[in-house]
C-alpha atoms as a PDB file:
ATOM      1  CA  MET A   1     -10.263   5.178  40.344  1.00  0.00           C
ATOM      2  CA  GLY A   2     -10.320   8.858  40.994  1.00  0.00           C
ATOM      3  CA  GLU A   3     -11.552  11.472  38.352  1.00  0.00           C
ATOM      4  CA  ALA A   4      -8.157  12.395  36.969  1.00  0.00           C
ATOM      5  CA  GLU A   5      -7.250   8.701  36.300  1.00  0.00           C
ATOM      6  CA  ARG A   6     -10.818   8.238  34.590  1.00  0.00           C
ATOM      7  CA  ARG A   7     -10.279  11.210  32.492  1.00  0.00           C
ATOM      8  CA  TYR A   8      -6.821   9.782  31.428  1.00  0.00           C
ATOM      9  CA  GLY A   9      -8.060   6.734  30.376  1.00  0.00           C
ATOM     10  CA  GLU A  10     -10.879   8.148  28.592  1.00  0.00           C
ATOM     11  CA  LEU A  11      -8.482  10.306  26.246  1.00  0.00           C
ATOM     12  CA  ALA A  12      -5.995   7.711  25.990  1.00  0.00           C
ATOM     13  CA  ALA A  13      -8.595   5.026  24.422  1.00  0.00           C
ATOM     14  CA  LEU A  14      -9.758   8.024  22.046  1.00  0.00           C
ATOM     15  CA  ALA A  15      -6.241   8.646  21.021  1.00  0.00           C
ATOM     16  CA  ALA A  16      -5.978   5.074  20.188  1.00  0.00           C
ATOM     17  CA  SER A  17      -8.967   4.890  18.231  1.00  0.00           C
ATOM     18  CA  ASP A  18      -9.319   3.821  14.619  1.00  0.00           C
ATOM     19  CA  ASP A  19     -11.666   6.859  13.870  1.00  0.00           C
ATOM     20  CA  PRO A  20      -9.459   9.610  13.025  1.00  0.00           C
ATOM     21  CA  ASP A  21     -12.250  12.088  14.494  1.00  0.00           C
ATOM     22  CA  ASP A  22     -11.711  10.715  17.853  1.00  0.00           C
ATOM     23  CA  VAL A  23      -8.175  10.714  17.485  1.00  0.00           C
ATOM     24  CA  ASP A  24      -8.319  14.327  16.590  1.00  0.00           C
ATOM     25  CA  ARG A  25     -10.597  14.992  19.645  1.00  0.00           C
ATOM     26  CA  ALA A  26      -8.261  13.652  21.683  1.00  0.00           C
ATOM     27  CA  HIS A  27      -5.312  15.326  20.798  1.00  0.00           C
ATOM     28  CA  GLU A  28      -6.999  18.809  20.997  1.00  0.00           C
ATOM     29  CA  GLN A  29      -8.502  18.020  24.770  1.00  0.00           C
ATOM     30  CA  ALA A  30      -5.039  16.617  25.797  1.00  0.00           C
ATOM     31  CA  LEU A  31      -3.390  19.854  24.756  1.00  0.00           C
ATOM     32  CA  ILE A  32      -6.065  21.966  26.640  1.00  0.00           C
ATOM     33  CA  ARG A  33      -5.902  20.109  30.022  1.00  0.00           C
ATOM     34  CA  MET A  34      -2.076  18.929  30.015  1.00  0.00           C
ATOM     35  CA  ARG A  35      -1.142  22.017  32.080  1.00  0.00           C
ATOM     36  CA  GLU A  36      -3.551  21.318  34.959  1.00  0.00           C
ATOM     37  CA  MET A  37      -2.493  17.353  34.230  1.00  0.00           C
ATOM     38  CA  PRO A  38       0.741  16.725  32.826  1.00  0.00           C
ATOM     39  CA  ALA A  39       0.393  13.091  32.276  1.00  0.00           C
ATOM     40  CA  LEU A  40      -1.970  14.208  29.433  1.00  0.00           C
ATOM     41  CA  LYS A  41       1.404  15.211  27.627  1.00  0.00           C
ATOM     42  CA  VAL A  42       1.660  11.258  26.695  1.00  0.00           C
ATOM     43  CA  VAL A  43      -1.931  11.281  25.076  1.00  0.00           C
ATOM     44  CA  ALA A  44      -1.132  14.430  23.260  1.00  0.00           C
ATOM     45  CA  ALA A  45       1.981  12.638  21.692  1.00  0.00           C
ATOM     46  CA  LEU A  46       0.122   9.408  21.142  1.00  0.00           C
ATOM     47  CA  ALA A  47      -2.718  11.156  19.359  1.00  0.00           C
ATOM     48  CA  TYR A  48      -0.297  13.269  17.263  1.00  0.00           C
ATOM     49  CA  ASP A  49       1.673  10.403  15.875  1.00  0.00           C
ATOM     50  CA  ARG A  50      -1.271   8.351  15.100  1.00  0.00           C
ATOM     51  CA  THR A  51      -2.748  11.082  13.285  1.00  0.00           C
ATOM     52  CA  ARG A  52       0.413  11.440  10.885  1.00  0.00           C
ATOM     53  CA  ALA A  53       0.371   7.464  10.504  1.00  0.00           C
ATOM     54  CA  PHE A  54      -3.314   7.937   9.307  1.00  0.00           C
ATOM     55  CA  ALA A  55      -2.371  10.390   6.688  1.00  0.00           C
ATOM     56  CA  GLY A  56       0.551   8.085   5.330  1.00  0.00           C
ATOM     57  CA  ARG A  57       3.600   9.893   7.140  1.00  0.00           C
ATOM     58  CA  GLN A  58       6.335   9.198   9.350  1.00  0.00           C
ATOM     59  CA  GLN A  59       5.498   9.568  13.028  1.00  0.00           C
ATOM     60  CA  LYS A  60       7.201  11.723  15.430  1.00  0.00           C
ATOM     61  CA  PHE A  61       7.843  10.005  18.304  1.00  0.00           C
ATOM     62  CA  GLY A  62       7.606   6.403  18.149  1.00  0.00           C
ATOM     63  CA  THR A  63       4.267   5.524  19.900  1.00  0.00           C
ATOM     64  CA  GLN A  64       2.486   3.590  17.054  1.00  0.00           C
ATOM     65  CA  ALA A  65       2.991   0.054  15.737  1.00  0.00           C
ATOM     66  CA  VAL A  66       2.448  -1.914  12.114  1.00  0.00           C
ATOM     67  CA  MET A  67       2.537  -5.363  11.418  1.00  0.00           C
ATOM     68  CA  CYS A  68       5.729  -6.524   8.978  1.00  0.00           C
ATOM     69  CA  ASP A  69       5.805  -9.964   7.886  1.00  0.00           C
ATOM     70  CA  GLY A  70       3.220 -10.929  10.497  1.00  0.00           C
ATOM     71  CA  LYS A  71       5.640  -9.285  13.295  1.00  0.00           C
ATOM     72  CA  ARG A  72       4.536  -6.101  15.127  1.00  0.00           C
ATOM     73  CA  THR A  73       6.906  -3.505  14.438  1.00  0.00           C
ATOM     74  CA  MET A  74       7.020   0.489  14.909  1.00  0.00           C
ATOM     75  CA  TRP A  75       5.631   2.511  12.243  1.00  0.00           C
ATOM     76  CA  PRO A  76       8.462   4.329  10.747  1.00  0.00           C
ATOM     77  CA  VAL A  77       9.474   7.397  12.866  1.00  0.00           C
ATOM     78  CA  ASP A  78      11.025  10.819  11.780  1.00  0.00           C
ATOM     79  CA  PRO A  79      14.703  10.521  12.175  1.00  0.00           C
ATOM     80  CA  GLY A  80      14.945  14.206  13.131  1.00  0.00           C
ATOM     81  CA  THR A  81      13.451  13.314  16.795  1.00  0.00           C
ATOM     82  CA  THR A  82      15.585  13.126  19.544  1.00  0.00           C
ATOM     83  CA  ASP A  83      15.181  11.265  23.007  1.00  0.00           C
ATOM     84  CA  SER A  84      15.504  14.817  24.426  1.00  0.00           C
ATOM     85  CA  GLU A  85      12.215  15.998  22.661  1.00  0.00           C
ATOM     86  CA  ARG A  86      10.567  12.492  23.950  1.00  0.00           C
ATOM     87  CA  ALA A  87      11.345  13.461  27.413  1.00  0.00           C
ATOM     88  CA  LYS A  88       9.355  16.868  27.164  1.00  0.00           C
ATOM     89  CA  TRP A  89       6.263  14.891  26.414  1.00  0.00           C
ATOM     90  CA  GLN A  90       6.902  12.355  29.321  1.00  0.00           C
ATOM     91  CA  LEU A  91       7.691   9.411  26.814  1.00  0.00           C
ATOM     92  CA  ASP A  92      10.417   7.085  26.819  1.00  0.00           C
ATOM     93  CA  GLY A  93      13.486   6.965  24.864  1.00  0.00           C
ATOM     94  CA  LEU A  94      13.071   5.557  21.190  1.00  0.00           C
ATOM     95  CA  GLU A  95      14.588   2.048  22.340  1.00  0.00           C
ATOM     96  CA  GLY A  96      12.273   1.916  25.229  1.00  0.00           C
ATOM     97  CA  LEU A  97       9.368   2.307  23.005  1.00  0.00           C
ATOM     98  CA  ARG A  98      10.758  -0.135  20.756  1.00  0.00           C
ATOM     99  CA  ALA A  99      10.553  -2.605  23.799  1.00  0.00           C
ATOM    100  CA  GLN A 100       6.752  -1.640  24.376  1.00  0.00           C
ATOM    101  CA  VAL A 101       5.933  -2.231  20.633  1.00  0.00           C
ATOM    102  CA  ALA A 102       3.537  -5.012  21.226  1.00  0.00           C
ATOM    103  CA  ASN A 103       1.259  -2.794  23.408  1.00  0.00           C
ATOM    104  CA  ALA A 104       1.182  -0.013  20.911  1.00  0.00           C
ATOM    105  CA  PRO A 105      -1.992   1.158  18.954  1.00  0.00           C
ATOM    106  CA  GLU A 106      -1.574  -0.489  15.464  1.00  0.00           C
ATOM    107  CA  ILE A 107      -1.687   1.157  12.083  1.00  0.00           C
ATOM    108  CA  LYS A 108      -4.060  -1.187   9.925  1.00  0.00           C
ATOM    109  CA  LYS A 109      -4.563  -1.631   6.197  1.00  0.00           C
ATOM    110  CA  GLY A 110      -7.891   0.154   6.130  1.00  0.00           C
ATOM    111  CA  HIS A 111      -6.146   3.253   7.917  1.00  0.00           C
ATOM    112  CA  LEU A 112      -4.022   3.774   4.879  1.00  0.00           C
ATOM    113  CA  ARG A 113      -6.419   2.474   2.240  1.00  0.00           C
ATOM    114  CA  ARG A 114      -8.518   5.725   3.186  1.00  0.00           C
ATOM    115  CA  VAL A 115      -5.952   8.185   2.448  1.00  0.00           C
ATOM    116  CA  LEU A 116      -4.527   6.581  -0.427  1.00  0.00           C
ATOM    117  CA  ARG A 117      -7.741   6.363  -2.363  1.00  0.00           C
ATOM    118  CA  LYS A 118      -8.156   9.900  -1.474  1.00  0.00           C
ATOM    119  CA  ARG A 119      -4.750  10.565  -3.124  1.00  0.00           C
ATOM    120  CA  ARG A 120      -5.676   8.671  -6.147  1.00  0.00           C
ATOM    121  CA  GLU A 121      -9.203  10.622  -6.741  1.00  0.00           C
ATOM    122  CA  ALA A 122      -7.100  13.841  -6.484  1.00  0.00           C
ATOM    123  CA  LEU A 123      -5.144  12.941  -9.752  1.00  0.00           C
ATOM    124  CA  SER A 124      -7.029  14.149 -12.957  1.00  0.00           C
ATOM    125  CA  GLN A 125      -7.303  11.899 -16.242  1.00  0.00           C
ATOM    126  CA  THR A 126      -4.842  14.395 -18.008  1.00  0.00           C
ATOM    127  CA  GLN A 127      -2.254  13.357 -15.181  1.00  0.00           C
ATOM    128  CA  LEU A 128      -2.977   9.652 -15.250  1.00  0.00           C
ATOM    129  CA  ASP A 129      -2.564   9.677 -18.959  1.00  0.00           C
ATOM    130  CA  GLU A 130       0.721  11.422 -18.847  1.00  0.00           C
ATOM    131  CA  PHE A 131       1.753   8.982 -15.939  1.00  0.00           C
ATOM    132  CA  ALA A 132       0.840   6.129 -18.280  1.00  0.00           C
ATOM    133  CA  ALA A 133       3.191   7.383 -20.873  1.00  0.00           C
ATOM    134  CA  ARG A 134       6.117   7.603 -18.314  1.00  0.00           C
ATOM    135  CA  ILE A 135       5.516   4.472 -17.165  1.00  0.00           C
ATOM    136  CA  ALA A 136       5.790   2.739 -20.305  1.00  0.00           C
ATOM    137  CA  GLU A 137       9.106   4.495 -21.111  1.00  0.00           C
ATOM    138  CA  HIS A 138      10.570   3.671 -17.922  1.00  0.00           C
ATOM    139  CA  GLY A 139       9.383  -0.026 -18.058  1.00  0.00           C
ATOM    140  CA  GLY A 140      10.361  -0.753 -21.394  1.00  0.00           C
ATOM    141  CA  ASP A 141      14.075  -0.301 -20.792  1.00  0.00           C
ATOM    142  CA  SER A 142      13.690  -2.234 -17.429  1.00  0.00           C
ATOM    143  CA  ILE A 143      11.964  -5.529 -17.731  1.00  0.00           C
ATOM    144  CA  ALA A 144      13.585  -8.413 -19.796  1.00  0.00           C
ATOM    145  CA  VAL A 145      10.991  -9.890 -21.848  1.00  0.00           C
ATOM    146  CA  LEU A 146      11.604 -13.486 -23.513  1.00  0.00           C
ATOM    147  CA  GLU A 147       9.791 -14.241 -26.574  1.00  0.00           C
ATOM    148  CA  GLN A 148       7.584 -16.805 -25.205  1.00  0.00           C
ATOM    149  CA  ALA A 149       6.588 -14.388 -22.283  1.00  0.00           C
ATOM    150  CA  VAL A 150       2.795 -14.084 -21.025  1.00  0.00           C
ATOM    151  CA  ILE A 151       2.566 -10.299 -19.634  1.00  0.00           C
ATOM    152  CA  ALA A 152      -0.481  -9.685 -17.501  1.00  0.00           C
ATOM    153  CA  ALA A 153      -2.015  -6.346 -17.811  1.00  0.00           C
ATOM    154  CA  TYR A 154      -5.049  -5.080 -16.083  1.00  0.00           C
ATOM    155  CA  TRP A 155      -8.123  -2.925 -17.012  1.00  0.00           C
ATOM    156  CA  PRO A 156      -7.351   0.111 -14.946  1.00  0.00           C
ATOM    157  CA  LEU A 157     -10.272   1.354 -12.290  1.00  0.00           C
ATOM    158  CA  PRO A 158     -10.805   5.288 -11.895  1.00  0.00           C
ATOM    159  CA  GLY A 159      -7.566   6.633 -10.232  1.00  0.00           C
ATOM    160  CA  GLU A 160      -5.456   3.618 -10.774  1.00  0.00           C
ATOM    161  CA  ALA A 161      -2.190   3.937 -12.843  1.00  0.00           C
ATOM    162  CA  ASP A 162      -2.448   2.577 -16.538  1.00  0.00           C
ATOM    163  CA  PRO A 163      -0.555  -0.366 -17.201  1.00  0.00           C
ATOM    164  CA  ARG A 164      -1.817  -0.752 -20.792  1.00  0.00           C
ATOM    165  CA  PRO A 165       0.760   1.418 -22.894  1.00  0.00           C
ATOM    166  CA  LEU A 166       3.434  -0.586 -21.114  1.00  0.00           C
ATOM    167  CA  ALA A 167       2.136  -3.889 -21.656  1.00  0.00           C
ATOM    168  CA  ARG A 168       1.461  -3.271 -25.366  1.00  0.00           C
ATOM    169  CA  GLN A 169       5.082  -1.844 -25.725  1.00  0.00           C
ATOM    170  CA  LEU A 170       6.787  -4.856 -24.038  1.00  0.00           C
ATOM    171  CA  ALA A 171       4.624  -7.467 -26.301  1.00  0.00           C
ATOM    172  CA  GLN A 172       5.751  -5.405 -29.347  1.00  0.00           C
ATOM    173  CA  GLN A 173       9.350  -5.825 -28.437  1.00  0.00           C
ATOM    174  CA  ALA A 174       9.620  -9.615 -27.888  1.00  0.00           C
ATOM    175  CA  GLY A 175       6.482 -10.791 -29.393  1.00  0.00           C
ATOM    176  CA  ALA A 176       5.061 -11.890 -25.852  1.00  0.00           C
ATOM    177  CA  ARG A 177       1.445 -12.777 -25.355  1.00  0.00           C
ATOM    178  CA  LEU A 178      -0.944 -10.536 -23.177  1.00  0.00           C
ATOM    179  CA  VAL A 179      -3.578 -11.299 -20.949  1.00  0.00           C
ATOM    180  CA  LEU A 180      -6.317  -9.493 -18.636  1.00  0.00           C
ATOM    181  CA  PRO A 181      -7.778 -10.766 -15.645  1.00  0.00           C
ATOM    182  CA  VAL A 182     -11.231 -11.889 -15.128  1.00  0.00           C
ATOM    183  CA  VAL A 183     -12.997 -12.181 -12.076  1.00  0.00           C
ATOM    184  CA  ASP A 184     -15.513 -15.156 -11.518  1.00  0.00           C
ATOM    185  CA  GLY A 185     -16.495 -15.220  -7.715  1.00  0.00           C
ATOM    186  CA  GLU A 186     -13.866 -15.796  -5.422  1.00  0.00           C
ATOM    187  CA  ASP A 187     -11.214 -16.930  -8.535  1.00  0.00           C
ATOM    188  CA  MET A 188      -9.398 -14.863 -10.856  1.00  0.00           C
ATOM    189  CA  SER A 189      -8.075 -16.158 -14.143  1.00  0.00           C
ATOM    190  CA  PHE A 190      -6.028 -14.600 -17.017  1.00  0.00           C
ATOM    191  CA  ARG A 191      -7.422 -14.740 -20.716  1.00  0.00           C
ATOM    192  CA  GLU A 192      -5.547 -13.959 -23.870  1.00  0.00           C
ATOM    193  CA  TRP A 193      -5.884 -10.272 -24.812  1.00  0.00           C
ATOM    194  CA  ARG A 194      -5.488  -9.506 -28.425  1.00  0.00           C
ATOM    195  CA  ASN A 195      -6.181  -5.934 -29.524  1.00  0.00           C
ATOM    196  CA  ASP A 196      -9.328  -6.946 -32.157  1.00  0.00           C
ATOM    197  CA  ASP A 197     -10.870  -9.384 -29.423  1.00  0.00           C
ATOM    198  CA  GLU A 198     -14.222  -7.592 -28.064  1.00  0.00           C
ATOM    199  CA  LEU A 199     -13.591  -7.188 -24.152  1.00  0.00           C
ATOM    200  CA  VAL A 200     -16.735  -7.783 -21.653  1.00  0.00           C
ATOM    201  CA  PRO A 201     -17.443  -7.007 -18.153  1.00  0.00           C
ATOM    202  CA  ALA A 202     -14.675  -8.831 -16.218  1.00  0.00           C
ATOM    203  CA  GLY A 203     -15.856  -7.900 -12.524  1.00  0.00           C
ATOM    204  CA  PHE A 204     -15.538  -4.711  -9.953  1.00  0.00           C
ATOM    205  CA  GLY A 205     -15.698  -2.624 -12.971  1.00  0.00           C
ATOM    206  CA  THR A 206     -13.231  -3.711 -15.137  1.00  0.00           C
ATOM    207  CA  PHE A 207     -13.270  -5.217 -18.846  1.00  0.00           C
ATOM    208  CA  GLY A 208     -11.481  -8.273 -19.914  1.00  0.00           C
ATOM    209  CA  PRO A 209     -11.704 -11.209 -22.888  1.00  0.00           C
ATOM    210  CA  ALA A 210     -14.715 -13.196 -23.151  1.00  0.00           C
ATOM    211  CA  ALA A 211     -15.125 -16.795 -21.811  1.00  0.00           C
ATOM    212  CA  THR A 212     -13.967 -18.099 -25.239  1.00  0.00           C
ATOM    213  CA  ALA A 213     -10.181 -16.684 -24.848  1.00  0.00           C
ATOM    214  CA  VAL A 214      -7.632 -18.991 -24.145  1.00  0.00           C
ATOM    215  CA  GLU A 215      -6.806 -18.972 -20.241  1.00  0.00           C
ATOM    216  CA  LEU A 216      -2.988 -18.705 -19.503  1.00  0.00           C
ATOM    217  CA  SER A 217      -0.591 -18.426 -16.983  1.00  0.00           C
ATOM    218  CA  PRO A 218       1.643 -14.980 -17.009  1.00  0.00           C
ATOM    219  CA  SER A 219       5.254 -15.090 -16.406  1.00  0.00           C
ATOM    220  CA  ILE A 220       5.199 -11.209 -16.010  1.00  0.00           C
ATOM    221  CA  ILE A 221       2.266  -9.726 -13.692  1.00  0.00           C
ATOM    222  CA  LEU A 222       1.616  -5.973 -14.020  1.00  0.00           C
ATOM    223  CA  THR A 223      -0.018  -5.688 -10.608  1.00  0.00           C
ATOM    224  CA  PRO A 224      -2.617  -2.672  -9.532  1.00  0.00           C
ATOM    225  CA  LEU A 225      -2.347  -1.832  -6.044  1.00  0.00           C
ATOM    226  CA  VAL A 226      -3.800   0.936  -3.515  1.00  0.00           C
ATOM    227  CA  GLY A 227       0.041   1.385  -1.748  1.00  0.00           C
ATOM    228  CA  PHE A 228       3.507   0.168  -1.633  1.00  0.00           C
ATOM    229  CA  ASP A 229       6.595   0.943   0.531  1.00  0.00           C
ATOM    230  CA  GLY A 230      10.333   0.749  -0.153  1.00  0.00           C
ATOM    231  CA  SER A 231      10.759  -2.468   0.344  1.00  0.00           C
ATOM    232  CA  GLY A 232       8.397  -4.025  -1.998  1.00  0.00           C
ATOM    233  CA  GLY A 233       5.284  -4.284   0.052  1.00  0.00           C
ATOM    234  CA  ARG A 234       2.198  -4.122  -1.796  1.00  0.00           C
ATOM    235  CA  LEU A 235      -1.355  -3.013  -0.383  1.00  0.00           C
ATOM    236  CA  GLY A 236      -4.257  -4.135  -2.568  1.00  0.00           C
ATOM    237  CA  GLN A 237      -7.819  -3.523  -2.536  1.00  0.00           C
ATOM    238  CA  GLY A 238      -8.111  -6.475   0.476  1.00  0.00           C
ATOM    239  CA  LYS A 239     -10.190  -9.202  -1.805  1.00  0.00           C
ATOM    240  CA  GLY A 240      -6.876 -11.452  -1.890  1.00  0.00           C
ATOM    241  CA  TYR A 241      -7.007 -12.041  -5.625  1.00  0.00           C
ATOM    242  CA  TYR A 242      -3.559 -10.950  -6.661  1.00  0.00           C
ATOM    243  CA  ASP A 243      -1.903 -12.192  -3.486  1.00  0.00           C
ATOM    244  CA  ARG A 244      -3.201 -15.726  -4.453  1.00  0.00           C
ATOM    245  CA  LYS A 245      -2.010 -15.413  -8.069  1.00  0.00           C
ATOM    246  CA  LEU A 246       1.478 -14.019  -7.229  1.00  0.00           C
ATOM    247  CA  VAL A 247       2.311 -17.123  -5.416  1.00  0.00           C
ATOM    248  CA  PRO A 248       3.804 -19.703  -8.260  1.00  0.00           C
ATOM    249  CA  LEU A 249       1.820 -22.887  -9.166  1.00  0.00           C
ATOM    250  CA  ASP A 250       3.345 -26.030  -8.837  1.00  0.00           C
ATOM    251  CA  GLY A 251       5.877 -26.999 -11.308  1.00  0.00           C
ATOM    252  CA  LEU A 252       5.893 -23.170 -12.806  1.00  0.00           C
ATOM    253  CA  PRO A 253       8.414 -20.549 -12.141  1.00  0.00           C
ATOM    254  CA  GLU A 254       7.575 -17.635  -9.832  1.00  0.00           C
ATOM    255  CA  PRO A 255       6.262 -14.992 -11.971  1.00  0.00           C
ATOM    256  CA  LEU A 256       7.704 -11.397 -12.094  1.00  0.00           C
ATOM    257  CA  ALA A 257       5.697  -9.140 -10.050  1.00  0.00           C
ATOM    258  CA  VAL A 258       5.738  -5.490 -11.122  1.00  0.00           C
ATOM    259  CA  GLY A 259       3.603  -3.113  -9.151  1.00  0.00           C
ATOM    260  CA  ILE A 260       2.012  -0.089 -11.407  1.00  0.00           C
ATOM    261  CA  ALA A 261       1.315   2.855  -9.440  1.00  0.00           C
ATOM    262  CA  SER A 262       1.576   6.438  -9.354  1.00  0.00           C
ATOM    263  CA  SER A 263       4.315   8.045  -7.099  1.00  0.00           C
ATOM    264  CA  CYS A 264       1.573   9.548  -4.383  1.00  0.00           C
ATOM    265  CA  GLN A 265       0.951   5.951  -3.650  1.00  0.00           C
ATOM    266  CA  GLN A 266       4.026   5.353  -1.682  1.00  0.00           C
ATOM    267  CA  MET A 267       3.688   4.706   2.041  1.00  0.00           C
ATOM    268  CA  PRO A 268       6.703   4.792   4.986  1.00  0.00           C
ATOM    269  CA  MET A 269       5.627   1.162   5.478  1.00  0.00           C
ATOM    270  CA  VAL A 270       2.935  -1.452   3.946  1.00  0.00           C
ATOM    271  CA  PRO A 271       1.387  -3.701   6.531  1.00  0.00           C
ATOM    272  CA  THR A 272       2.220  -7.318   5.765  1.00  0.00           C
ATOM    273  CA  GLU A 273       2.010 -10.972   6.610  1.00  0.00           C
ATOM    274  CA  LEU A 274       4.608 -13.446   6.370  1.00  0.00           C
ATOM    275  CA  HIS A 275       3.148 -15.485   3.797  1.00  0.00           C
ATOM    276  CA  ASP A 276       2.618 -12.101   1.607  1.00  0.00           C
ATOM    277  CA  ARG A 277       4.812 -11.984  -1.762  1.00  0.00           C
ATOM    278  CA  ARG A 278       6.846  -8.793  -1.908  1.00  0.00           C
ATOM    279  CA  LEU A 279       7.005  -7.058  -5.632  1.00  0.00           C
ATOM    280  CA  ASP A 280      10.174  -7.499  -7.356  1.00  0.00           C
ATOM    281  CA  MET A 281       9.780  -3.802  -8.750  1.00  0.00           C
ATOM    282  CA  VAL A 282       7.463  -0.871  -8.508  1.00  0.00           C
ATOM    283  CA  ILE A 283       7.247   1.480 -11.701  1.00  0.00           C
ATOM    284  CA  THR A 284       5.463   4.856 -11.275  1.00  0.00           C
ATOM    285  CA  GLU A 285       5.933   8.406 -13.286  1.00  0.00           C
ATOM    286  CA  LEU A 286       8.875   9.156 -11.576  1.00  0.00           C
ATOM    287  CA  GLY A 287      11.260   5.721 -12.532  1.00  0.00           C
ATOM    288  CA  VAL A 288      11.780   1.891 -11.601  1.00  0.00           C
ATOM    289  CA  THR A 289      12.532   0.688  -8.234  1.00  0.00           C
ATOM    290  CA  LYS A 290      13.667  -2.768  -7.856  1.00  0.00           C
ATOM    291  CA  PHE A 291      13.960  -5.043  -4.685  1.00  0.00           C
ATOM    292  CA  GLY A 292      15.449  -8.266  -3.692  1.00  0.00           C
ATOM    293  CA  ASP A 293      18.694  -9.204  -5.296  1.00  0.00           C
END
């Protein structure tokens, strides 16, 4: 292997790294050296796409992949980029890149959680309080609640959108019962939540009803999330508690899955597996988005 091939291989590997600093270094070095070695234009483009995807943005050229319903597909691409522009960077046209997606570097859940958590951390408590009021306003007009409904809320962690004003409003409108999640080891249950009940630590810094509270199966689950996309894909904390609870139990109807989020938590695409349950709707401070039929 010649020196040029070795250098190309090293920078290409850096450009496909899971470490954002490695990707930045590959991009910088490829831009510096591509006059003497034009093949490095491909590496510069690959690193640029990966940096954009790491930031939760559409990629420019089409060199990055993501899992969608368990199938490797292309991370969303900026529709303004032309094949002529790709050719200047020695890349195939978009259809050619799609054909090679099985070998493209993958954007994983961990990459997106990093940027989404930073976005949430940037929100002030004042903003979160305002968002909670707007979410309650939007959701109160969009969720049909039967009298016998059981609505699951959650105790928000720092930076999470607060579902409690919406949950209380829905319960008052229809006389529904409220529950909060309680984590015990690998399991999560929902226990009845009444305003005069004393709450106790319920796992991961949250609070919930005591062990003496009645356990119920919710028909509506107001779901926390780290990120979501425009087709109802949900990115959680990675523990799988809600993934398991969004699957209906034998003999019970499927619960309505309502994502509660700030609008800054939306991504171009969320990695999903074939078994993942998509959300029925998402409510943010900007309004309600419904998915499916």
